[in-house]
Amino acid sequence: MSASVLAAEAAPSRPVPRLLKGQRALVTGASSGIGRAIALALGEAGADVVVNYSSAEKPAQETVSGLEAMGRKAFAFKADVADETQVVAMFRRAREEFRGRLKALALVVGRVK
């Protein structure tokens, strides 16, 4: 899916106020479904976003591309949120990339069998 299609999916019917301009967020499970929608909505509202994924790198990178198409800073980070070491590494990278603390966290998790 192209970045412009992702941005169009997240685009509301009227302009969204940039209430989160300058804020930084981390969304787990952001490579698809509800997590992707939350990440794109946060971006539309002005936030820079960490796109967490556990296995689907290509869709995560597409979410990043959609956020960048909106003019936001974003990066994908592979981490299993059940593994504390990986979570600490993800937060450390977010702090380095965004030069500060996160202001929002959306935990979207699921398991497919």
PDB file of N, CA and C in Angstrom:
ATOM      1  N   MET A   1       0.852  -1.163   0.000  1.00  0.00           N
ATOM      2  CA  MET A   1       0.000   0.000   0.000  1.00  0.00           C
ATOM      3  C   MET A   1       0.901   1.231   0.000  1.00  0.00           C
ATOM      4  N   SER A   2       0.620   2.205  -0.859  1.00  0.00           N
ATOM      5  CA  SER A   2       1.478   3.380  -0.959  1.00  0.00           C
ATOM      6  C   SER A   2       1.226   4.356   0.187  1.00  0.00           C
ATOM      7  N   ALA A   3       2.215   5.227   0.410  1.00  0.00           N
ATOM      8  CA  ALA A   3       2.104   6.217   1.489  1.00  0.00           C
ATOM      9  C   ALA A   3       0.916   7.143   1.258  1.00  0.00           C
ATOM     10  N   SER A   4       0.658   7.502   0.007  1.00  0.00           N
ATOM     11  CA  SER A   4      -0.460   8.403  -0.256  1.00  0.00           C
ATOM     12  C   SER A   4      -1.802   7.729   0.041  1.00  0.00           C
ATOM     13  N   VAL A   5      -1.883   6.419  -0.211  1.00  0.00           N
ATOM     14  CA  VAL A   5      -3.104   5.683   0.106  1.00  0.00           C
ATOM     15  C   VAL A   5      -3.286   5.621   1.619  1.00  0.00           C
ATOM     16  N   LEU A   6      -2.188   5.356   2.354  1.00  0.00           N
ATOM     17  CA  LEU A   6      -2.269   5.324   3.810  1.00  0.00           C
ATOM     18  C   LEU A   6      -2.698   6.679   4.355  1.00  0.00           C
ATOM     19  N   ALA A   7      -2.118   7.741   3.826  1.00  0.00           N
ATOM     20  CA  ALA A   7      -2.483   9.077   4.288  1.00  0.00           C
ATOM     21  C   ALA A   7      -3.947   9.368   3.972  1.00  0.00           C
ATOM     22  N   ALA A   8      -4.410   8.923   2.808  1.00  0.00           N
ATOM     23  CA  ALA A   8      -5.806   9.144   2.435  1.00  0.00           C
ATOM     24  C   ALA A   8      -6.750   8.366   3.344  1.00  0.00           C
ATOM     25  N   GLU A   9      -6.330   7.150   3.748  1.00  0.00           N
ATOM     26  CA  GLU A   9      -7.164   6.358   4.655  1.00  0.00           C
ATOM     27  C   GLU A   9      -7.356   7.069   5.985  1.00  0.00           C
ATOM     28  N   ALA A  10      -6.303   7.737   6.439  1.00  0.00           N
ATOM     29  CA  ALA A  10      -6.356   8.407   7.738  1.00  0.00           C
ATOM     30  C   ALA A  10      -6.944   9.808   7.643  1.00  0.00           C
ATOM     31  N   ALA A  11      -7.077  10.323   6.441  1.00  0.00           N
ATOM     32  CA  ALA A  11      -7.535  11.693   6.272  1.00  0.00           C
ATOM     33  C   ALA A  11      -9.016  11.837   6.623  1.00  0.00           C
ATOM     34  N   PRO A  12      -9.333  12.739   7.518  1.00  0.00           N
ATOM     35  CA  PRO A  12     -10.727  12.974   7.869  1.00  0.00           C
ATOM     36  C   PRO A  12     -11.410  13.807   6.793  1.00  0.00           C
ATOM     37  N   SER A  13     -12.713  13.929   6.905  1.00  0.00           N
ATOM     38  CA  SER A  13     -13.465  14.691   5.921  1.00  0.00           C
ATOM     39  C   SER A  13     -13.287  16.203   6.089  1.00  0.00           C
ATOM     40  N   ARG A  14     -12.772  16.626   7.215  1.00  0.00           N
ATOM     41  CA  ARG A  14     -12.473  18.037   7.433  1.00  0.00           C
ATOM     42  C   ARG A  14     -11.105  18.143   8.100  1.00  0.00           C
ATOM     43  N   PRO A  15     -10.454  19.303   8.020  1.00  0.00           N
ATOM     44  CA  PRO A  15      -9.108  19.432   8.598  1.00  0.00           C
ATOM     45  C   PRO A  15      -9.101  19.147  10.101  1.00  0.00           C
ATOM     46  N   VAL A  16      -8.063  18.466  10.517  1.00  0.00           N
ATOM     47  CA  VAL A  16      -7.884  18.144  11.930  1.00  0.00           C
ATOM     48  C   VAL A  16      -6.991  19.211  12.555  1.00  0.00           C
ATOM     49  N   PRO A  17      -7.401  19.786  13.678  1.00  0.00           N
ATOM     50  CA  PRO A  17      -6.517  20.746  14.345  1.00  0.00           C
ATOM     51  C   PRO A  17      -5.225  20.046  14.771  1.00  0.00           C
ATOM     52  N   ARG A  18      -4.128  20.718  14.643  1.00  0.00           N
ATOM     53  CA  ARG A  18      -2.821  20.157  14.992  1.00  0.00           C
ATOM     54  C   ARG A  18      -2.575  20.284  16.496  1.00  0.00           C
ATOM     55  N   LEU A  19      -3.457  19.703  17.283  1.00  0.00           N
ATOM     56  CA  LEU A  19      -3.378  19.800  18.733  1.00  0.00           C
ATOM     57  C   LEU A  19      -2.161  19.104  19.313  1.00  0.00           C
ATOM     58  N   LEU A  20      -1.586  18.174  18.560  1.00  0.00           N
ATOM     59  CA  LEU A  20      -0.445  17.419  19.059  1.00  0.00           C
ATOM     60  C   LEU A  20       0.874  17.848  18.407  1.00  0.00           C
ATOM     61  N   LYS A  21       0.875  19.008  17.768  1.00  0.00           N
ATOM     62  CA  LYS A  21       2.087  19.497  17.111  1.00  0.00           C
ATOM     63  C   LYS A  21       3.223  19.576  18.123  1.00  0.00           C
ATOM     64  N   GLY A  22       4.352  18.982  17.766  1.00  0.00           N
ATOM     65  CA  GLY A  22       5.512  18.989  18.631  1.00  0.00           C
ATOM     66  C   GLY A  22       5.520  17.880  19.676  1.00  0.00           C
ATOM     67  N   GLN A  23       4.460  17.082  19.731  1.00  0.00           N
ATOM     68  CA  GLN A  23       4.389  15.977  20.685  1.00  0.00           C
ATOM     69  C   GLN A  23       4.953  14.714  20.033  1.00  0.00           C
ATOM     70  N   ARG A  24       5.331  13.760  20.863  1.00  0.00           N
ATOM     71  CA  ARG A  24       5.887  12.506  20.385  1.00  0.00           C
ATOM     72  C   ARG A  24       5.100  11.349  20.989  1.00  0.00           C
ATOM     73  N   ALA A  25       4.825  10.345  20.146  1.00  0.00           N
ATOM     74  CA  ALA A  25       4.003   9.220  20.592  1.00  0.00           C
ATOM     75  C   ALA A  25       4.634   7.905  20.158  1.00  0.00           C
ATOM     76  N   LEU A  26       4.310   6.859  20.882  1.00  0.00           N
ATOM     77  CA  LEU A  26       4.708   5.503  20.520  1.00  0.00           C
ATOM     78  C   LEU A  26       3.431   4.674  20.434  1.00  0.00           C
ATOM     79  N   VAL A  27       3.293   3.949  19.330  1.00  0.00           N
ATOM     80  CA  VAL A  27       2.118   3.096  19.139  1.00  0.00           C
ATOM     81  C   VAL A  27       2.593   1.675  18.901  1.00  0.00           C
ATOM     82  N   THR A  28       2.194   0.762  19.785  1.00  0.00           N
ATOM     83  CA  THR A  28       2.526  -0.637  19.569  1.00  0.00           C
ATOM     84  C   THR A  28       1.518  -1.231  18.592  1.00  0.00           C
ATOM     85  N   GLY A  29       1.954  -2.251  17.881  1.00  0.00           N
ATOM     86  CA  GLY A  29       1.057  -2.887  16.913  1.00  0.00           C
ATOM     87  C   GLY A  29       0.656  -1.955  15.793  1.00  0.00           C
ATOM     88  N   ALA A  30       1.551  -1.026  15.431  1.00  0.00           N
ATOM     89  CA  ALA A  30       1.199   0.026  14.478  1.00  0.00           C
ATOM     90  C   ALA A  30       1.410  -0.343  13.020  1.00  0.00           C
ATOM     91  N   SER A  31       1.697  -1.608  12.749  1.00  0.00           N
ATOM     92  CA  SER A  31       1.903  -1.994  11.351  1.00  0.00           C
ATOM     93  C   SER A  31       0.603  -2.349  10.642  1.00  0.00           C
ATOM     94  N   SER A  32      -0.495  -2.486  11.401  1.00  0.00           N
ATOM     95  CA  SER A  32      -1.760  -2.845  10.756  1.00  0.00           C
ATOM     96  C   SER A  32      -2.943  -2.518  11.657  1.00  0.00           C
ATOM     97  N   GLY A  33      -4.112  -2.593  11.082  1.00  0.00           N
ATOM     98  CA  GLY A  33      -5.364  -2.486  11.817  1.00  0.00           C
ATOM     99  C   GLY A  33      -5.514  -1.240  12.668  1.00  0.00           C
ATOM    100  N   ILE A  34      -5.996  -1.447  13.883  1.00  0.00           N
ATOM    101  CA  ILE A  34      -6.270  -0.338  14.795  1.00  0.00           C
ATOM    102  C   ILE A  34      -4.990   0.408  15.137  1.00  0.00           C
ATOM    103  N   GLY A  35      -3.890  -0.319  15.342  1.00  0.00           N
ATOM    104  CA  GLY A  35      -2.622   0.336  15.652  1.00  0.00           C
ATOM    105  C   GLY A  35      -2.185   1.288  14.560  1.00  0.00           C
ATOM    106  N   ARG A  36      -2.299   0.854  13.307  1.00  0.00           N
ATOM    107  CA  ARG A  36      -1.945   1.721  12.167  1.00  0.00           C
ATOM    108  C   ARG A  36      -2.864   2.948  12.136  1.00  0.00           C
ATOM    109  N   ALA A  37      -4.155   2.732  12.338  1.00  0.00           N
ATOM    110  CA  ALA A  37      -5.102   3.846  12.313  1.00  0.00           C
ATOM    111  C   ALA A  37      -4.781   4.855  13.417  1.00  0.00           C
ATOM    112  N   ILE A  38      -4.431   4.369  14.604  1.00  0.00           N
ATOM    113  CA  ILE A  38      -4.078   5.270  15.704  1.00  0.00           C
ATOM    114  C   ILE A  38      -2.809   6.043  15.366  1.00  0.00           C
ATOM    115  N   ALA A  39      -1.789   5.358  14.852  1.00  0.00           N
ATOM    116  CA  ALA A  39      -0.536   6.029  14.486  1.00  0.00           C
ATOM    117  C   ALA A  39      -0.784   7.123  13.451  1.00  0.00           C
ATOM    118  N   LEU A  40      -1.576   6.823  12.433  1.00  0.00           N
ATOM    119  CA  LEU A  40      -1.856   7.812  11.388  1.00  0.00           C
ATOM    120  C   LEU A  40      -2.706   8.968  11.919  1.00  0.00           C
ATOM    121  N   ALA A  41      -3.643   8.670  12.817  1.00  0.00           N
ATOM    122  CA  ALA A  41      -4.460   9.736  13.406  1.00  0.00           C
ATOM    123  C   ALA A  41      -3.607  10.658  14.278  1.00  0.00           C
ATOM    124  N   LEU A  42      -2.689  10.079  15.038  1.00  0.00           N
ATOM    125  CA  LEU A  42      -1.778  10.899  15.844  1.00  0.00           C
ATOM    126  C   LEU A  42      -0.926  11.790  14.935  1.00  0.00           C
ATOM    127  N   GLY A  43      -0.458  11.215  13.841  1.00  0.00           N
ATOM    128  CA  GLY A  43       0.310  12.000  12.878  1.00  0.00           C
ATOM    129  C   GLY A  43      -0.516  13.124  12.270  1.00  0.00           C
ATOM    130  N   GLU A  44      -1.740  12.821  11.932  1.00  0.00           N
ATOM    131  CA  GLU A  44      -2.635  13.840  11.366  1.00  0.00           C
ATOM    132  C   GLU A  44      -2.853  14.981  12.358  1.00  0.00           C
ATOM    133  N   ALA A  45      -2.856  14.653  13.633  1.00  0.00           N
ATOM    134  CA  ALA A  45      -3.044  15.671  14.672  1.00  0.00           C
ATOM    135  C   ALA A  45      -1.739  16.400  14.995  1.00  0.00           C
ATOM    136  N   GLY A  46      -0.639  16.012  14.330  1.00  0.00           N
ATOM    137  CA  GLY A  46       0.610  16.748  14.478  1.00  0.00           C
ATOM    138  C   GLY A  46       1.722  16.037  15.219  1.00  0.00           C
ATOM    139  N   ALA A  47       1.492  14.843  15.740  1.00  0.00           N
ATOM    140  CA  ALA A  47       2.510  14.151  16.533  1.00  0.00           C
ATOM    141  C   ALA A  47       3.517  13.418  15.651  1.00  0.00           C
ATOM    142  N   ASP A  48       4.745  13.329  16.148  1.00  0.00           N
ATOM    143  CA  ASP A  48       5.752  12.445  15.584  1.00  0.00           C
ATOM    144  C   ASP A  48       5.533  11.083  16.240  1.00  0.00           C
ATOM    145  N   VAL A  49       5.787   9.996  15.497  1.00  0.00           N
ATOM    146  CA  VAL A  49       5.345   8.688  15.980  1.00  0.00           C
ATOM    147  C   VAL A  49       6.407   7.595  15.822  1.00  0.00           C
ATOM    148  N   VAL A  50       6.583   6.804  16.884  1.00  0.00           N
ATOM    149  CA  VAL A  50       7.333   5.554  16.813  1.00  0.00           C
ATOM    150  C   VAL A  50       6.329   4.477  16.421  1.00  0.00           C
ATOM    151  N   VAL A  51       6.624   3.763  15.349  1.00  0.00           N
ATOM    152  CA  VAL A  51       5.761   2.701  14.836  1.00  0.00           C
ATOM    153  C   VAL A  51       6.354   1.368  15.287  1.00  0.00           C
ATOM    154  N   ASN A  52       5.788   0.791  16.338  1.00  0.00           N
ATOM    155  CA  ASN A  52       6.266  -0.499  16.833  1.00  0.00           C
ATOM    156  C   ASN A  52       5.593  -1.628  16.065  1.00  0.00           C
ATOM    157  N   TYR A  53       6.369  -2.673  15.796  1.00  0.00           N
ATOM    158  CA  TYR A  53       5.833  -3.871  15.159  1.00  0.00           C
ATOM    159  C   TYR A  53       6.576  -5.070  15.723  1.00  0.00           C
ATOM    160  N   SER A  54       5.963  -6.245  15.612  1.00  0.00           N
ATOM    161  CA  SER A  54       6.625  -7.438  16.123  1.00  0.00           C
ATOM    162  C   SER A  54       7.155  -8.345  15.016  1.00  0.00           C
ATOM    163  N   SER A  55       6.527  -8.321  13.837  1.00  0.00           N
ATOM    164  CA  SER A  55       7.002  -9.212  12.780  1.00  0.00           C
ATOM    165  C   SER A  55       6.837  -8.664  11.366  1.00  0.00           C
ATOM    166  N   ALA A  56       5.898  -7.775  11.139  1.00  0.00           N
ATOM    167  CA  ALA A  56       5.586  -7.321   9.776  1.00  0.00           C
ATOM    168  C   ALA A  56       6.303  -5.999   9.466  1.00  0.00           C
ATOM    169  N   GLU A  57       7.568  -6.106   9.051  1.00  0.00           N
ATOM    170  CA  GLU A  57       8.371  -4.904   8.810  1.00  0.00           C
ATOM    171  C   GLU A  57       7.850  -4.060   7.641  1.00  0.00           C
ATOM    172  N   LYS A  58       7.483  -4.692   6.526  1.00  0.00           N
ATOM    173  CA  LYS A  58       7.046  -3.913   5.355  1.00  0.00           C
ATOM    174  C   LYS A  58       5.819  -3.055   5.672  1.00  0.00           C
ATOM    175  N   PRO A  59       4.760  -3.606   6.277  1.00  0.00           N
ATOM    176  CA  PRO A  59       3.619  -2.749   6.621  1.00  0.00           C
ATOM    177  C   PRO A  59       3.990  -1.651   7.623  1.00  0.00           C
ATOM    178  N   ALA A  60       4.914  -1.947   8.528  1.00  0.00           N
ATOM    179  CA  ALA A  60       5.353  -0.923   9.485  1.00  0.00           C
ATOM    180  C   ALA A  60       6.043   0.218   8.744  1.00  0.00           C
ATOM    181  N   GLN A  61       6.882  -0.124   7.779  1.00  0.00           N
ATOM    182  CA  GLN A  61       7.564   0.912   6.987  1.00  0.00           C
ATOM    183  C   GLN A  61       6.560   1.708   6.152  1.00  0.00           C
ATOM    184  N   GLU A  62       5.491   1.059   5.698  1.00  0.00           N
ATOM    185  CA  GLU A  62       4.446   1.776   4.967  1.00  0.00           C
ATOM    186  C   GLU A  62       3.731   2.771   5.885  1.00  0.00           C
ATOM    187  N   THR A  63       3.525   2.392   7.131  1.00  0.00           N
ATOM    188  CA  THR A  63       2.928   3.321   8.094  1.00  0.00           C
ATOM    189  C   THR A  63       3.855   4.507   8.305  1.00  0.00           C
ATOM    190  N   VAL A  64       5.147   4.241   8.446  1.00  0.00           N
ATOM    191  CA  VAL A  64       6.135   5.316   8.582  1.00  0.00           C
ATOM    192  C   VAL A  64       6.068   6.246   7.364  1.00  0.00           C
ATOM    193  N   SER A  65       6.005   5.663   6.177  1.00  0.00           N
ATOM    194  CA  SER A  65       5.927   6.477   4.953  1.00  0.00           C
ATOM    195  C   SER A  65       4.684   7.358   4.944  1.00  0.00           C
ATOM    196  N   GLY A  66       3.564   6.814   5.415  1.00  0.00           N
ATOM    197  CA  GLY A  66       2.333   7.595   5.497  1.00  0.00           C
ATOM    198  C   GLY A  66       2.484   8.772   6.445  1.00  0.00           C
ATOM    199  N   LEU A  67       3.146   8.552   7.572  1.00  0.00           N
ATOM    200  CA  LEU A  67       3.382   9.630   8.541  1.00  0.00           C
ATOM    201  C   LEU A  67       4.329  10.676   7.963  1.00  0.00           C
ATOM    202  N   GLU A  68       5.382  10.220   7.307  1.00  0.00           N
ATOM    203  CA  GLU A  68       6.325  11.155   6.699  1.00  0.00           C
ATOM    204  C   GLU A  68       5.666  11.974   5.594  1.00  0.00           C
ATOM    205  N   ALA A  69       4.717  11.367   4.875  1.00  0.00           N
ATOM    206  CA  ALA A  69       3.984  12.093   3.835  1.00  0.00           C
ATOM    207  C   ALA A  69       3.163  13.235   4.431  1.00  0.00           C
ATOM    208  N   MET A  70       2.829  13.117   5.721  1.00  0.00           N
ATOM    209  CA  MET A  70       2.109  14.182   6.434  1.00  0.00           C
ATOM    210  C   MET A  70       3.067  15.230   6.998  1.00  0.00           C
ATOM    211  N   GLY A  71       4.363  15.004   6.818  1.00  0.00           N
ATOM    212  CA  GLY A  71       5.351  15.927   7.350  1.00  0.00           C
ATOM    213  C   GLY A  71       5.780  15.619   8.775  1.00  0.00           C
ATOM    214  N   ARG A  72       5.507  14.411   9.241  1.00  0.00           N
ATOM    215  CA  ARG A  72       5.874  14.016  10.603  1.00  0.00           C
ATOM    216  C   ARG A  72       7.172  13.233  10.612  1.00  0.00           C
ATOM    217  N   LYS A  73       7.852  13.264  11.737  1.00  0.00           N
ATOM    218  CA  LYS A  73       9.001  12.394  11.952  1.00  0.00           C
ATOM    219  C   LYS A  73       8.443  11.059  12.427  1.00  0.00           C
ATOM    220  N   ALA A  74       9.000   9.988  11.905  1.00  0.00           N
ATOM    221  CA  ALA A  74       8.527   8.662  12.309  1.00  0.00           C
ATOM    222  C   ALA A  74       9.614   7.642  12.024  1.00  0.00           C
ATOM    223  N   PHE A  75       9.615   6.582  12.795  1.00  0.00           N
ATOM    224  CA  PHE A  75      10.487   5.459  12.499  1.00  0.00           C
ATOM    225  C   PHE A  75       9.837   4.195  13.035  1.00  0.00           C
ATOM    226  N   ALA A  76      10.193   3.069  12.419  1.00  0.00           N
ATOM    227  CA  ALA A  76       9.672   1.770  12.843  1.00  0.00           C
ATOM    228  C   ALA A  76      10.688   1.109  13.759  1.00  0.00           C
ATOM    229  N   PHE A  77      10.186   0.387  14.748  1.00  0.00           N
ATOM    230  CA  PHE A  77      11.061  -0.329  15.676  1.00  0.00           C
ATOM    231  C   PHE A  77      10.450  -1.685  15.968  1.00  0.00           C
ATOM    232  N   LYS A  78      11.223  -2.735  15.687  1.00  0.00           N
ATOM    233  CA  LYS A  78      10.756  -4.095  15.952  1.00  0.00           C
ATOM    234  C   LYS A  78      11.024  -4.428  17.413  1.00  0.00           C
ATOM    235  N   ALA A  79       9.970  -4.768  18.148  1.00  0.00           N
ATOM    236  CA  ALA A  79      10.115  -5.167  19.550  1.00  0.00           C
ATOM    237  C   ALA A  79       8.905  -5.981  19.963  1.00  0.00           C
ATOM    238  N   ASP A  80       9.172  -7.010  20.722  1.00  0.00           N
ATOM    239  CA  ASP A  80       8.114  -7.798  21.343  1.00  0.00           C
ATOM    240  C   ASP A  80       7.788  -7.115  22.671  1.00  0.00           C
ATOM    241  N   VAL A  81       6.592  -6.587  22.821  1.00  0.00           N
ATOM    242  CA  VAL A  81       6.251  -5.834  24.028  1.00  0.00           C
ATOM    243  C   VAL A  81       6.161  -6.715  25.270  1.00  0.00           C
ATOM    244  N   ALA A  82       6.250  -8.018  25.108  1.00  0.00           N
ATOM    245  CA  ALA A  82       6.284  -8.919  26.254  1.00  0.00           C
ATOM    246  C   ALA A  82       7.708  -9.109  26.777  1.00  0.00           C
ATOM    247  N   ASP A  83       8.695  -8.548  26.058  1.00  0.00           N
ATOM    248  CA  ASP A  83      10.100  -8.686  26.437  1.00  0.00           C
ATOM    249  C   ASP A  83      10.619  -7.344  26.944  1.00  0.00           C
ATOM    250  N   GLU A  84      10.852  -7.262  28.243  1.00  0.00           N
ATOM    251  CA  GLU A  84      11.241  -5.991  28.871  1.00  0.00           C
ATOM    252  C   GLU A  84      12.505  -5.394  28.246  1.00  0.00           C
ATOM    253  N   THR A  85      13.476  -6.216  27.930  1.00  0.00           N
ATOM    254  CA  THR A  85      14.723  -5.725  27.331  1.00  0.00           C
ATOM    255  C   THR A  85      14.445  -5.033  26.001  1.00  0.00           C
ATOM    256  N   GLN A  86      13.571  -5.616  25.180  1.00  0.00           N
ATOM    257  CA  GLN A  86      13.240  -5.017  23.888  1.00  0.00           C
ATOM    258  C   GLN A  86      12.457  -3.718  24.066  1.00  0.00           C
ATOM    259  N   VAL A  87      11.582  -3.687  25.056  1.00  0.00           N
ATOM    260  CA  VAL A  87      10.796  -2.475  25.314  1.00  0.00           C
ATOM    261  C   VAL A  87      11.715  -1.330  25.776  1.00  0.00           C
ATOM    262  N   VAL A  88      12.640  -1.641  26.660  1.00  0.00           N
ATOM    263  CA  VAL A  88      13.592  -0.620  27.127  1.00  0.00           C
ATOM    264  C   VAL A  88      14.402  -0.085  25.943  1.00  0.00           C
ATOM    265  N   ALA A  89      14.855  -0.974  25.069  1.00  0.00           N
ATOM    266  CA  ALA A  89      15.609  -0.552  23.885  1.00  0.00           C
ATOM    267  C   ALA A  89      14.760   0.342  22.980  1.00  0.00           C
ATOM    268  N   MET A  90      13.480   0.012  22.836  1.00  0.00           N
ATOM    269  CA  MET A  90      12.588   0.814  21.999  1.00  0.00           C
ATOM    270  C   MET A  90      12.415   2.219  22.576  1.00  0.00           C
ATOM    271  N   PHE A  91      12.201   2.314  23.880  1.00  0.00           N
ATOM    272  CA  PHE A  91      12.046   3.622  24.507  1.00  0.00           C
ATOM    273  C   PHE A  91      13.348   4.421  24.444  1.00  0.00           C
ATOM    274  N   ARG A  92      14.468   3.754  24.599  1.00  0.00           N
ATOM    275  CA  ARG A  92      15.769   4.430  24.499  1.00  0.00           C
ATOM    276  C   ARG A  92      15.942   5.032  23.104  1.00  0.00           C
ATOM    277  N   ARG A  93      15.622   4.242  22.081  1.00  0.00           N
ATOM    278  CA  ARG A  93      15.743   4.733  20.701  1.00  0.00           C
ATOM    279  C   ARG A  93      14.791   5.898  20.452  1.00  0.00           C
ATOM    280  N   ALA A  94      13.577   5.809  20.990  1.00  0.00           N
ATOM    281  CA  ALA A  94      12.615   6.905  20.826  1.00  0.00           C
ATOM    282  C   ALA A  94      13.164   8.185  21.440  1.00  0.00           C
ATOM    283  N   ARG A  95      13.751   8.067  22.603  1.00  0.00           N
ATOM    284  CA  ARG A  95      14.307   9.254  23.271  1.00  0.00           C
ATOM    285  C   ARG A  95      15.448   9.841  22.461  1.00  0.00           C
ATOM    286  N   GLU A  96      16.281   8.982  21.882  1.00  0.00           N
ATOM    287  CA  GLU A  96      17.390   9.454  21.050  1.00  0.00           C
ATOM    288  C   GLU A  96      16.894  10.107  19.767  1.00  0.00           C
ATOM    289  N   GLU A  97      15.965   9.452  19.085  1.00  0.00           N
ATOM    290  CA  GLU A  97      15.458   9.956  17.801  1.00  0.00           C
ATOM    291  C   GLU A  97      14.698  11.273  17.957  1.00  0.00           C
ATOM    292  N   PHE A  98      13.884  11.357  18.996  1.00  0.00           N
ATOM    293  CA  PHE A  98      13.025  12.526  19.172  1.00  0.00           C
ATOM    294  C   PHE A  98      13.609  13.548  20.143  1.00  0.00           C
ATOM    295  N   ARG A  99      14.789  13.249  20.688  1.00  0.00           N
ATOM    296  CA  ARG A  99      15.481  14.165  21.599  1.00  0.00           C
ATOM    297  C   ARG A  99      14.603  14.647  22.737  1.00  0.00           C
ATOM    298  N   GLY A 100      13.952  13.720  23.347  1.00  0.00           N
ATOM    299  CA  GLY A 100      13.097  14.063  24.472  1.00  0.00           C
ATOM    300  C   GLY A 100      12.168  12.926  24.836  1.00  0.00           C
ATOM    301  N   ARG A 101      11.274  13.224  25.715  1.00  0.00           N
ATOM    302  CA  ARG A 101      10.346  12.223  26.220  1.00  0.00           C
ATOM    303  C   ARG A 101       9.127  12.058  25.322  1.00  0.00           C
ATOM    304  N   LEU A 102       8.554  10.869  25.400  1.00  0.00           N
ATOM    305  CA  LEU A 102       7.291  10.618  24.714  1.00  0.00           C
ATOM    306  C   LEU A 102       6.167  11.255  25.520  1.00  0.00           C
ATOM    307  N   LYS A 103       5.150  11.728  24.832  1.00  0.00           N
ATOM    308  CA  LYS A 103       4.001  12.337  25.497  1.00  0.00           C
ATOM    309  C   LYS A 103       2.751  11.484  25.398  1.00  0.00           C
ATOM    310  N   ALA A 104       2.784  10.477  24.518  1.00  0.00           N
ATOM    311  CA  ALA A 104       1.604   9.624  24.349  1.00  0.00           C
ATOM    312  C   ALA A 104       2.060   8.196  24.075  1.00  0.00           C
ATOM    313  N   LEU A 105       1.278   7.254  24.566  1.00  0.00           N
ATOM    314  CA  LEU A 105       1.553   5.845  24.369  1.00  0.00           C
ATOM    315  C   LEU A 105       0.240   5.137  24.086  1.00  0.00           C
ATOM    316  N   ALA A 106       0.193   4.421  22.967  1.00  0.00           N
ATOM    317  CA  ALA A 106      -0.994   3.632  22.632  1.00  0.00           C
ATOM    318  C   ALA A 106      -0.554   2.172  22.547  1.00  0.00           C
ATOM    319  N   LEU A 107      -1.087   1.353  23.427  1.00  0.00           N
ATOM    320  CA  LEU A 107      -0.751  -0.063  23.452  1.00  0.00           C
ATOM    321  C   LEU A 107      -1.826  -0.846  22.721  1.00  0.00           C
ATOM    322  N   VAL A 108      -1.482  -1.323  21.540  1.00  0.00           N
ATOM    323  CA  VAL A 108      -2.407  -2.100  20.725  1.00  0.00           C
ATOM    324  C   VAL A 108      -1.729  -3.430  20.476  1.00  0.00           C
ATOM    325  N   VAL A 109      -2.249  -4.479  21.092  1.00  0.00           N
ATOM    326  CA  VAL A 109      -1.605  -5.784  20.958  1.00  0.00           C
ATOM    327  C   VAL A 109      -2.637  -6.833  20.549  1.00  0.00           C
ATOM    328  N   GLY A 110      -2.147  -7.828  19.894  1.00  0.00           N
ATOM    329  CA  GLY A 110      -3.009  -8.932  19.509  1.00  0.00           C
ATOM    330  C   GLY A 110      -2.146 -10.116  19.157  1.00  0.00           C
ATOM    331  N   ARG A 111      -2.736 -11.265  19.130  1.00  0.00           N
ATOM    332  CA  ARG A 111      -1.992 -12.472  18.779  1.00  0.00           C
ATOM    333  C   ARG A 111      -2.817 -13.238  17.762  1.00  0.00           C
ATOM    334  N   VAL A 112      -2.162 -13.596  16.680  1.00  0.00           N
ATOM    335  CA  VAL A 112      -2.818 -14.368  15.631  1.00  0.00           C
ATOM    336  C   VAL A 112      -2.340 -15.801  15.733  1.00  0.00           C
ATOM    337  N   LYS A 113      -3.273 -16.733  15.737  1.00  0.00           N
ATOM    338  CA  LYS A 113      -2.891 -18.155  15.804  1.00  0.00           C
ATOM    339  C   LYS A 113      -3.183 -18.829  14.506  1.00  0.00           C
TER     340      LYS A 113
END
